[in-house]
C-alpha cells in the first residue's frame, strides 16, 4: 500500500509539473500576442527589418514563386553549395505531401539570428524563397524553458527532388527516412559550402575545430574526412560523439586551421568568426 501511495504521489506530482509548464507556455504566448499588437512592438519589428535588410542586402522583392522563372533549367553551383553546406548541418529537405516537389528548410536559435538572416539573403537574392524576413518564433524547450528561434524555407521545386533522393534513405530500423552523406558531395563541397557547414555545425575546440556530425554513420563521417583531405588537404580525425560510441564527430587538426581559414574566410560573417579562433 505504501508503494502504491508513493507511485500515485509521484504520478500526480509529474502531472502537476506538466500542467504548470503548459500554463506558463500559454501565458507567455498570450502575452507575446498582446505585445505584438502594440504600436511600439510594430515599430520595433519595422526597425529590425530595416537594419537586417541593410545588413544583408536583399535586392529583390518577391513574395510569390510565380514571379520567378528559376524553375527552368539546371541548378547552378551557388544554390547547390548553399543547400549542400546547410544539409551537412541543421538544414533538411522536405518532400511535400501530395505534391511532386521538395523544399529545403533552415532553422536556427535566436542567438544565431545574424547567420539565419545571412542564409536568407543568399537564397532570397537567388530567387528561391520569399524575400520577407523570417519572424522570431517561440517554442517550449526542456524543463519548461521558453526558447526563441527563426525558421524559413525555400519554395517547392521539382529540381530539388534530386537533392532529397541523394541525402535520404529509408530508415530500416524505424519509420521515415534518415539523412546520409551523398557521394555527389565531392562535386558540391565548395569553399562556400564548407563555410556554411562551419557556421552551421562547426565549433572551436582547443586550437582546432570540431564538426558536430553526430547524426551521420561512421562510414559517412569517414567519407567526410576523406573529402576534406582530398579536396583541400585539410587533416582531421574522427572522435567519439557520445559514451555509447554510436555517434561520431570530426576534429580538424590545428596544423590545418590556417589552410581551412584561408579557404572559407571570404564567406564567414562577423558573428561567426569566433569559430575560427585566432586564425581569422
Protein backbone atom coordinates (compact mmCIF):
# COMPACT_ATOMS: atom_id res chain seq x y z
CA UNK A 1 0.00 0.00 0.00
CA UNK A 2 2.87 2.36 0.78
CA UNK A 3 4.36 1.66 -2.67
CA UNK A 4 1.02 2.34 -4.37
CA UNK A 5 0.60 5.60 -2.46
CA UNK A 6 4.17 6.64 -3.32
CA UNK A 7 3.65 5.87 -7.01
CA UNK A 8 0.36 7.78 -7.03
CA UNK A 9 2.05 10.77 -5.37
CA UNK A 10 4.88 10.78 -7.92
CA UNK A 11 2.42 10.47 -10.80
CA UNK A 12 0.32 13.37 -9.50
CA UNK A 13 3.48 15.42 -8.99
CA UNK A 14 4.54 14.78 -12.62
CA UNK A 15 1.08 15.70 -13.94
CA UNK A 16 1.09 18.86 -11.84
CA UNK A 17 4.50 19.91 -13.20
CA UNK A 18 3.41 19.24 -16.79
CA UNK A 19 0.24 21.30 -16.31
CA UNK A 20 2.25 24.11 -14.73
CA UNK A 21 4.68 24.16 -17.68
CA UNK A 22 1.75 24.19 -20.11
CA UNK A 23 0.09 27.10 -18.28
CA UNK A 24 3.36 29.06 -18.29
CA UNK A 25 3.72 28.49 -22.03
CA UNK A 26 0.11 29.52 -22.72
CA UNK A 27 0.52 32.65 -20.58
CA UNK A 28 3.76 33.56 -22.36
CA UNK A 29 2.18 33.01 -25.79
CA UNK A 30 -0.83 35.21 -24.91
CA UNK A 31 1.46 37.94 -23.59
CA UNK A 32 3.58 37.82 -26.74
CA UNK A 33 0.50 38.08 -28.95
CA UNK A 34 -0.77 41.03 -26.97
CA UNK A 35 2.62 42.71 -27.23
CA UNK A 36 2.68 42.14 -30.99
CA UNK A 37 -0.48 44.24 -31.27
CA UNK A 38 1.10 47.29 -29.70
CA UNK A 39 2.38 50.20 -31.73
CA UNK A 40 5.79 50.05 -30.04
CA UNK A 41 6.30 46.42 -31.00
CA UNK A 42 5.30 47.12 -34.62
CA UNK A 43 7.80 49.98 -34.76
CA UNK A 44 10.49 47.72 -33.26
CA UNK A 45 9.90 44.99 -35.86
CA UNK A 46 9.99 47.53 -38.69
CA UNK A 47 13.23 48.92 -37.30
CA UNK A 48 14.77 45.41 -37.08
CA UNK A 49 13.64 44.66 -40.64
CA UNK A 50 15.30 47.84 -41.87
CA UNK A 51 18.56 47.08 -40.05
CA UNK A 52 18.76 43.47 -41.21
CA UNK A 53 17.71 44.16 -44.79
CA UNK A 54 20.50 46.73 -44.99
CA UNK A 55 22.99 44.49 -43.18
CA UNK A 56 22.39 41.58 -45.54
CA UNK A 57 21.04 43.32 -48.61
CA UNK A 58 18.14 41.72 -50.46
CA UNK A 59 17.95 43.13 -53.96
CA UNK A 60 14.64 41.52 -54.92
CA UNK A 61 11.11 41.97 -53.64
CA UNK A 62 9.39 38.68 -54.35
CA UNK A 63 6.67 37.07 -52.26
CA UNK A 64 5.24 34.75 -54.89
CA UNK A 65 7.05 31.90 -56.60
CA UNK A 66 5.07 32.55 -59.79
CA UNK A 67 7.01 35.79 -60.25
CA UNK A 68 10.27 33.82 -60.61
CA UNK A 69 11.50 31.80 -63.58
CA UNK A 70 14.24 29.82 -61.83
CA UNK A 71 12.29 26.55 -62.03
CA UNK A 72 13.54 26.05 -65.58
CA UNK A 73 16.96 24.59 -66.28
CA UNK A 74 19.63 23.00 -64.05
CA UNK A 75 20.52 24.29 -60.59
CA UNK A 76 23.64 26.46 -60.52
CA UNK A 77 26.64 25.92 -58.25
CA UNK A 78 25.73 28.75 -55.85
CA UNK A 79 22.35 27.34 -54.83
CA UNK A 80 23.76 23.79 -54.61
CA UNK A 81 26.68 24.99 -52.45
CA UNK A 82 24.31 26.75 -50.04
CA UNK A 83 21.97 23.77 -49.78
CA UNK A 84 24.67 21.10 -49.51
CA UNK A 85 26.56 23.13 -46.89
CA UNK A 86 23.38 23.52 -44.84
CA UNK A 87 22.42 19.86 -45.22
CA UNK A 88 25.72 18.94 -43.58
CA UNK A 89 24.43 20.85 -40.54
CA UNK A 90 20.92 21.76 -39.42
CA UNK A 91 19.27 22.14 -42.82
CA UNK A 92 16.87 19.48 -44.02
CA UNK A 93 14.82 18.66 -47.10
CA UNK A 94 11.07 18.03 -47.04
CA UNK A 95 9.30 16.03 -49.74
CA UNK A 96 5.92 17.75 -50.00
CA UNK A 97 2.92 15.53 -49.26
CA UNK A 98 0.56 15.25 -52.19
CA UNK A 99 2.98 17.14 -54.38
CA UNK A 100 5.85 16.35 -56.67
CA UNK A 101 8.41 18.79 -55.33
CA UNK A 102 10.81 19.25 -52.41
CA UNK A 103 11.64 22.27 -50.28
CA UNK A 104 14.68 22.99 -48.10
CA UNK A 105 14.12 24.15 -44.50
CA UNK A 106 16.51 26.31 -42.46
CA UNK A 107 16.19 26.89 -38.70
CA UNK A 108 18.41 28.50 -36.06
CA UNK A 109 18.13 29.52 -32.43
CA UNK A 110 17.69 33.24 -31.77
CA UNK A 111 21.36 33.57 -30.75
CA UNK A 112 22.24 32.82 -34.39
CA UNK A 113 19.82 35.38 -35.84
CA UNK A 114 22.53 37.09 -37.93
CA UNK A 115 23.53 33.80 -39.51
CA UNK A 116 19.96 32.88 -40.41
CA UNK A 117 19.40 36.33 -41.96
CA UNK A 118 22.62 35.82 -43.93
CA UNK A 119 21.38 32.47 -45.27
CA UNK A 120 18.01 34.02 -46.07
CA UNK A 121 19.63 36.86 -48.01
CA UNK A 122 21.66 34.40 -50.10
CA UNK A 123 18.59 32.37 -51.07
CA UNK A 124 16.32 35.40 -51.48
CA UNK A 125 18.77 37.11 -53.84
CA UNK A 126 18.93 33.93 -55.91
CA UNK A 127 15.11 33.95 -56.06
CA UNK A 128 14.49 30.68 -54.23
CA UNK A 129 12.44 31.95 -51.26
CA UNK A 130 10.11 34.69 -50.09
CA UNK A 131 12.09 37.91 -49.60
CA UNK A 132 10.18 38.85 -46.42
CA UNK A 133 12.44 38.46 -43.38
CA UNK A 134 11.83 35.36 -41.19
CA UNK A 135 9.99 36.18 -37.96
CA UNK A 136 11.05 35.25 -34.44
CA UNK A 137 9.02 32.31 -33.08
CA UNK A 138 8.80 30.62 -29.69
CA UNK A 139 8.67 27.00 -28.56
CA UNK A 140 8.68 25.13 -25.27
CA UNK A 141 12.13 23.70 -24.56
CA UNK A 142 13.47 21.37 -21.89
CA UNK A 143 12.36 21.95 -18.29
CA UNK A 144 9.68 24.36 -19.48
CA UNK A 145 12.13 26.93 -20.78
CA UNK A 146 10.76 29.20 -23.50
CA UNK A 147 13.11 29.25 -26.48
CA UNK A 148 13.15 31.68 -29.40
CA UNK A 149 14.09 30.60 -32.91
CA UNK A 150 13.83 31.64 -36.55
CA UNK A 151 12.85 29.46 -39.45
CA UNK A 152 12.26 29.78 -43.18
CA UNK A 153 12.10 27.51 -46.19
CA UNK A 154 12.63 27.69 -49.91
CA UNK A 155 9.76 27.43 -52.32
CA UNK A 156 8.99 23.91 -53.54
CA UNK A 157 10.78 22.76 -56.70
CA UNK A 158 10.79 19.57 -58.73
CA UNK A 159 14.52 20.11 -59.28
CA UNK A 160 15.08 19.73 -55.51
CA UNK A 161 13.82 16.12 -55.68
CA UNK A 162 17.33 15.12 -56.75
CA UNK A 163 18.70 16.61 -53.54
CA UNK A 164 16.17 14.71 -51.40
CA UNK A 165 16.87 11.38 -53.12
CA UNK A 166 20.62 11.79 -52.62
CA UNK A 167 20.53 12.89 -48.97
CA UNK A 168 17.90 10.47 -47.60
CA UNK A 169 17.43 6.72 -47.45
CA UNK A 170 14.70 4.60 -45.87
CA UNK A 171 15.17 4.02 -42.15
CA UNK A 172 15.44 0.22 -41.89
CA UNK A 173 15.12 0.25 -38.08
CA UNK A 174 12.22 2.64 -37.79
CA UNK A 175 9.77 4.92 -39.56
CA UNK A 176 10.55 7.52 -42.21
CA UNK A 177 13.90 8.30 -43.78
CA UNK A 178 17.33 9.18 -42.38
CA UNK A 179 19.92 11.65 -43.63
CA UNK A 180 23.10 10.29 -45.23
CA UNK A 181 26.13 11.81 -46.96
CA UNK A 182 25.79 11.55 -50.76
CA UNK A 183 28.78 10.66 -52.91
CA UNK A 184 27.96 13.71 -55.05
CA UNK A 185 29.14 15.93 -52.19
CA UNK A 186 32.56 15.59 -53.82
CA UNK A 187 31.25 17.94 -56.54
CA UNK A 188 29.50 20.43 -54.26
CA UNK A 189 31.74 20.82 -51.20
CA UNK A 190 32.86 24.22 -52.48
CA UNK A 191 34.54 26.87 -50.29
CA UNK A 192 31.07 28.44 -49.80
CA UNK A 193 29.55 25.09 -48.78
CA UNK A 194 32.46 24.47 -46.41
CA UNK A 195 31.98 27.91 -44.82
CA UNK A 196 28.26 27.31 -44.34
CA UNK A 197 29.00 23.91 -42.78
CA UNK A 198 31.33 25.61 -40.29
CA UNK A 199 28.82 28.36 -39.43
CA UNK A 200 26.03 25.80 -39.14
CA UNK A 201 27.68 22.98 -37.21
CA UNK A 202 31.28 23.91 -36.52
CA UNK A 203 32.65 24.61 -33.04
CA UNK A 204 36.02 25.94 -31.85
CA UNK A 205 37.76 23.23 -29.86
CA UNK A 206 41.18 23.95 -28.42
CA UNK A 207 43.36 25.15 -31.28
CA UNK A 208 41.33 23.20 -33.83
CA UNK A 209 37.72 22.94 -34.95
CA UNK A 210 35.03 20.32 -34.34
CA UNK A 211 32.25 19.41 -36.77
CA UNK A 212 29.18 18.02 -34.98
CA UNK A 213 28.50 15.11 -37.32
CA UNK A 214 26.64 13.11 -34.64
CA UNK A 215 23.67 12.29 -36.86
CA UNK A 216 25.76 10.56 -39.53
CA UNK A 217 27.09 6.99 -39.58
CA UNK A 218 30.76 6.19 -39.03
CA UNK A 219 31.11 5.33 -42.72
CA UNK A 220 29.66 8.72 -43.71
CA UNK A 221 31.96 10.55 -41.29
CA UNK A 222 34.92 8.68 -42.75
CA UNK A 223 33.91 9.90 -46.21
CA UNK A 224 33.74 13.49 -44.94
CA UNK A 225 37.29 13.31 -43.54
CA UNK A 226 38.40 11.87 -46.89
CA UNK A 227 36.80 14.77 -48.78
CA UNK A 228 38.39 17.37 -46.50
CA UNK A 229 41.82 15.91 -47.14
CA UNK A 230 41.39 15.00 -50.82
CA UNK A 231 39.85 18.33 -51.89
CA UNK A 232 41.59 20.81 -49.58
CA UNK A 233 44.49 18.98 -47.89
CA UNK A 234 42.78 19.50 -44.51
CA UNK A 235 43.82 16.88 -41.97
CA UNK A 236 41.24 15.67 -39.46
CA UNK A 237 40.44 12.74 -37.20
CA UNK A 238 37.23 11.08 -36.02
CA UNK A 239 36.36 11.28 -32.32
CA UNK A 240 33.61 9.67 -30.26
CA UNK A 241 30.47 11.80 -30.01
CA UNK A 242 28.88 10.03 -27.07
CA UNK A 243 29.68 7.49 -24.32
CA UNK A 244 27.97 4.65 -26.15
CA UNK A 245 30.32 5.13 -29.13
CA UNK A 246 27.35 5.32 -31.52
CA UNK A 247 27.93 8.93 -32.60
CA UNK A 248 30.98 10.49 -34.18
CA UNK A 249 32.44 13.97 -34.65
CA UNK A 250 35.27 15.34 -36.77
CA UNK A 251 38.21 17.24 -35.31
CA UNK A 252 40.28 19.40 -37.68
CA UNK A 253 43.94 19.47 -36.69
CA UNK A 254 45.44 22.79 -35.61
CA UNK A 255 48.08 22.33 -38.34
CA UNK A 256 45.29 22.54 -40.94
CA UNK A 257 43.47 25.52 -39.45
CA UNK A 258 45.42 28.14 -41.49
CA UNK A 259 44.53 26.26 -44.69
CA UNK A 260 40.87 25.96 -43.70
CA UNK A 261 40.68 29.62 -42.67
CA UNK A 262 42.15 30.84 -45.96
CA UNK A 263 39.58 28.82 -47.92
CA UNK A 264 36.45 29.93 -46.06
CA UNK A 265 37.31 33.43 -44.77
CA UNK A 266 35.61 35.31 -47.65
CA UNK A 267 32.26 33.78 -46.64
CA UNK A 268 32.38 33.82 -42.82
CA UNK A 269 30.12 36.54 -41.39
CA UNK A 270 31.37 38.65 -38.44
CA UNK A 271 29.20 36.95 -35.80
CA UNK A 272 30.67 33.54 -36.74
CA UNK A 273 34.37 34.45 -36.87
CA UNK A 274 34.85 33.23 -33.29
CA UNK A 275 34.57 29.65 -34.56
CA UNK A 276 37.93 30.03 -36.29
CA UNK A 277 39.61 31.48 -33.20
CA UNK A 278 42.80 33.48 -33.73
CA UNK A 279 43.28 32.14 -37.25
CA UNK A 280 40.87 34.72 -38.70
